[in-house]
Amino acid sequence: MSSYPLRLADHVMEEAKQAAAEDNVSLNQLLAAFIADGIGHRRAILSLRKRAARGNPEAALAIVDRAPDVPPDPGDEILGEGATVAPKL
């Protein structure tokens, strides 16, 4: 296991301490989990970027063009700009 001296802004440290206390874990456990989670997110984004670079927009649009022209199912309609729908529970 490695260690690294980490400098945080005072307000960030206070938030982290509060979150650790609320989650009943040590500050070290909380920060290590956040870092691991952030690295996982970064890997996922990089993977998606690589996959997107291999994509073929023309082929994708050709597939969409072959889709039947039918009305959307109830609840799948495209709403006007700024419209919102309450989530179904």
C-alpha atoms as a PDB file:
ATOM      1  CA  MET A   1       0.000   0.000   0.000  1.00  0.00           C
ATOM      2  CA  SER A   2       1.232   3.481  -0.840  1.00  0.00           C
ATOM      3  CA  SER A   3       0.750   6.812   0.836  1.00  0.00           C
ATOM      4  CA  TYR A   4       0.567  10.284  -0.655  1.00  0.00           C
ATOM      5  CA  PRO A   5       0.409  13.646   1.123  1.00  0.00           C
ATOM      6  CA  LEU A   6      -2.738  15.319  -0.156  1.00  0.00           C
ATOM      7  CA  ARG A   7      -3.492  19.020   0.188  1.00  0.00           C
ATOM      8  CA  LEU A   8      -7.151  19.983   0.185  1.00  0.00           C
ATOM      9  CA  ALA A   9      -8.909  23.299   0.530  1.00  0.00           C
ATOM     10  CA  ASP A  10     -10.265  23.722   4.057  1.00  0.00           C
ATOM     11  CA  HIS A  11     -13.891  23.661   2.907  1.00  0.00           C
ATOM     12  CA  VAL A  12     -13.307  20.442   0.938  1.00  0.00           C
ATOM     13  CA  MET A  13     -11.698  18.807   3.961  1.00  0.00           C
ATOM     14  CA  GLU A  14     -14.626  19.805   6.164  1.00  0.00           C
ATOM     15  CA  GLU A  15     -17.100  18.360   3.648  1.00  0.00           C
ATOM     16  CA  ALA A  16     -15.065  15.151   3.443  1.00  0.00           C
ATOM     17  CA  LYS A  17     -14.925  14.817   7.234  1.00  0.00           C
ATOM     18  CA  GLN A  18     -18.670  15.359   7.464  1.00  0.00           C
ATOM     19  CA  ALA A  19     -19.347  12.792   4.719  1.00  0.00           C
ATOM     20  CA  ALA A  20     -17.069  10.249   6.404  1.00  0.00           C
ATOM     21  CA  ALA A  21     -18.839  10.749   9.720  1.00  0.00           C
ATOM     22  CA  GLU A  22     -22.265  10.415   8.062  1.00  0.00           C
ATOM     23  CA  ASP A  23     -21.158   7.200   6.323  1.00  0.00           C
ATOM     24  CA  ASN A  24     -19.501   5.919   9.515  1.00  0.00           C
ATOM     25  CA  VAL A  25     -16.154   5.342   7.767  1.00  0.00           C
ATOM     26  CA  SER A  26     -12.706   6.805   8.253  1.00  0.00           C
ATOM     27  CA  LEU A  27     -11.673   9.838   6.262  1.00  0.00           C
ATOM     28  CA  ASN A  28      -8.999   7.666   4.627  1.00  0.00           C
ATOM     29  CA  GLN A  29     -11.591   5.082   3.544  1.00  0.00           C
ATOM     30  CA  LEU A  30     -13.868   7.788   2.137  1.00  0.00           C
ATOM     31  CA  LEU A  31     -11.120   9.514   0.148  1.00  0.00           C
ATOM     32  CA  ALA A  32      -9.716   6.201  -1.140  1.00  0.00           C
ATOM     33  CA  ALA A  33     -13.214   5.176  -2.289  1.00  0.00           C
ATOM     34  CA  PHE A  34     -13.783   8.532  -4.007  1.00  0.00           C
ATOM     35  CA  ILE A  35     -10.441   8.292  -5.807  1.00  0.00           C
ATOM     36  CA  ALA A  36     -11.127   4.714  -6.925  1.00  0.00           C
ATOM     37  CA  ASP A  37     -14.590   5.735  -8.118  1.00  0.00           C
ATOM     38  CA  GLY A  38     -13.155   8.691 -10.027  1.00  0.00           C
ATOM     39  CA  ILE A  39     -10.556   6.494 -11.699  1.00  0.00           C
ATOM     40  CA  GLY A  40     -13.308   4.059 -12.707  1.00  0.00           C
ATOM     41  CA  HIS A  41     -15.328   6.878 -14.235  1.00  0.00           C
ATOM     42  CA  ARG A  42     -12.257   8.133 -16.096  1.00  0.00           C
ATOM     43  CA  ARG A  43     -11.591   4.667 -17.518  1.00  0.00           C
ATOM     44  CA  ALA A  44     -15.202   4.391 -18.659  1.00  0.00           C
ATOM     45  CA  ILE A  45     -15.075   7.781 -20.391  1.00  0.00           C
ATOM     46  CA  LEU A  46     -11.807   6.933 -22.137  1.00  0.00           C
ATOM     47  CA  SER A  47     -13.271   3.619 -23.275  1.00  0.00           C
ATOM     48  CA  LEU A  48     -16.364   5.346 -24.657  1.00  0.00           C
ATOM     49  CA  ARG A  49     -14.183   7.865 -26.489  1.00  0.00           C
ATOM     50  CA  LYS A  50     -12.205   5.048 -28.112  1.00  0.00           C
ATOM     51  CA  ARG A  51     -15.408   3.282 -29.150  1.00  0.00           C
ATOM     52  CA  ALA A  52     -16.880   6.528 -30.488  1.00  0.00           C
ATOM     53  CA  ALA A  53     -13.750   7.135 -32.572  1.00  0.00           C
ATOM     54  CA  ARG A  54     -14.298   3.759 -34.259  1.00  0.00           C
ATOM     55  CA  GLY A  55     -17.942   4.594 -34.946  1.00  0.00           C
ATOM     56  CA  ASN A  56     -19.366   5.168 -38.395  1.00  0.00           C
ATOM     57  CA  PRO A  57     -22.033   7.909 -38.321  1.00  0.00           C
ATOM     58  CA  GLU A  58     -23.113   7.203 -41.897  1.00  0.00           C
ATOM     59  CA  ALA A  59     -23.751   3.526 -41.124  1.00  0.00           C
ATOM     60  CA  ALA A  60     -25.680   4.473 -37.965  1.00  0.00           C
ATOM     61  CA  LEU A  61     -27.842   6.951 -39.884  1.00  0.00           C
ATOM     62  CA  ALA A  62     -28.509   4.329 -42.564  1.00  0.00           C
ATOM     63  CA  ILE A  63     -29.853   2.005 -39.861  1.00  0.00           C
ATOM     64  CA  VAL A  64     -32.048   4.774 -38.446  1.00  0.00           C
ATOM     65  CA  ASP A  65     -33.338   5.554 -41.946  1.00  0.00           C
ATOM     66  CA  ARG A  66     -34.572   1.947 -42.237  1.00  0.00           C
ATOM     67  CA  ALA A  67     -36.667   2.244 -39.067  1.00  0.00           C
ATOM     68  CA  PRO A  68     -40.414   2.236 -39.711  1.00  0.00           C
ATOM     69  CA  ASP A  69     -42.234   5.554 -39.586  1.00  0.00           C
ATOM     70  CA  VAL A  70     -44.724   4.858 -36.787  1.00  0.00           C
ATOM     71  CA  PRO A  71     -45.936   7.016 -33.912  1.00  0.00           C
ATOM     72  CA  PRO A  72     -44.106   6.607 -30.592  1.00  0.00           C
ATOM     73  CA  ASP A  73     -45.517   4.456 -27.845  1.00  0.00           C
ATOM     74  CA  PRO A  74     -47.455   6.360 -25.170  1.00  0.00           C
ATOM     75  CA  GLY A  75     -44.974   8.127 -22.900  1.00  0.00           C
ATOM     76  CA  ASP A  76     -42.187   8.093 -25.518  1.00  0.00           C
ATOM     77  CA  GLU A  77     -43.267  11.286 -27.256  1.00  0.00           C
ATOM     78  CA  ILE A  78     -40.717  14.061 -27.783  1.00  0.00           C
ATOM     79  CA  LEU A  79     -41.798  17.052 -25.728  1.00  0.00           C
ATOM     80  CA  GLY A  80     -41.473  20.668 -26.756  1.00  0.00           C
ATOM     81  CA  GLU A  81     -38.552  22.763 -25.580  1.00  0.00           C
ATOM     82  CA  GLY A  82     -38.575  23.353 -21.820  1.00  0.00           C
ATOM     83  CA  ALA A  83     -41.348  20.780 -21.190  1.00  0.00           C
ATOM     84  CA  THR A  84     -40.931  18.366 -18.319  1.00  0.00           C
ATOM     85  CA  VAL A  85     -42.770  15.281 -17.197  1.00  0.00           C
ATOM     86  CA  ALA A  86     -43.036  14.032 -13.648  1.00  0.00           C
ATOM     87  CA  PRO A  87     -41.403  10.600 -13.230  1.00  0.00           C
ATOM     88  CA  LYS A  88     -43.776   7.653 -13.030  1.00  0.00           C
ATOM     89  CA  LEU A  89     -43.656   5.947  -9.651  1.00  0.00           C
END
